[in-house]
Amino acid sequence: VTYYSILTAATLAGAILAVVTANPTDLRKPILICLVLIAIGAFLDTGSGLLTRPANLYLSQSLLAFAAVYSMAPMMMEGMLRALSKGPSYLVSFVALFSLSQTLGGLIGVAALSAFHTLRTKVHLMTLSSSMSNGDPATAQAISGVANELTKTMADPVQRNATAAGQLIQEVGREAAILAFNDVFFVIGSLASLAFVILFIRWASD
């Protein structure tokens, strides 16, 4: 509840600040600020692990939520001003195109990142699994440690070892998924940084 409350507050703050600070003479500056915030927030989340809790994500996810909304107003305003400069008839086309681009862009972005996450999860799972074997001392020790914890609830040692091995495999799967999420955030941060450099060069040269 606290996590989503903080994200909601950050989103509202981005919307309010976007309206209050809107400057038609310099609409690219807020977008540059948003790209910096997105890059920072994404790179902050690249160090997540099994011990990461919602409290560890308050700052990074708030930056992403704030930037996602704060950038909408200047982008839409710049498009509207360009459409109006060509004539009122272009305004309707812009609104339709802007709405379509946001919808399709969101769907394509989510699909691409989900596919990337799935692929990276498989890669990390293969890497982690290749280092595990029944003859590996570290793996055997981990299974033994979990099996010892199950002594009070399971009397059969074979069943304990099987259950412990299953739990260890689940832990490896979770670790692989988290590492893949770190890769996703790294890609987001890298793309935001690249977009910032390109837009900053254009903004500085104007």
Foldseek 3Di string as FASTA:
>chain_A
DVLVVLLVVLLVVLQVCLVVVPDLVDLCVLLLVLLVLLLVLLLQLLPDFPPDDSVSNSRSSSSNSSSVNNSVNSVLSVLQVVQVVVNPVSNVVSVVVVVVCVVVVVVVVVVVLVVQLVVQLVVQLVVVVVQDDCPDPVNVVQLVVQLVVCVVPDVDSVVSSVVSNVVVSVNSSVRSSSNSSSVSSNVSSVVSVVVSVVSVVVSVVD
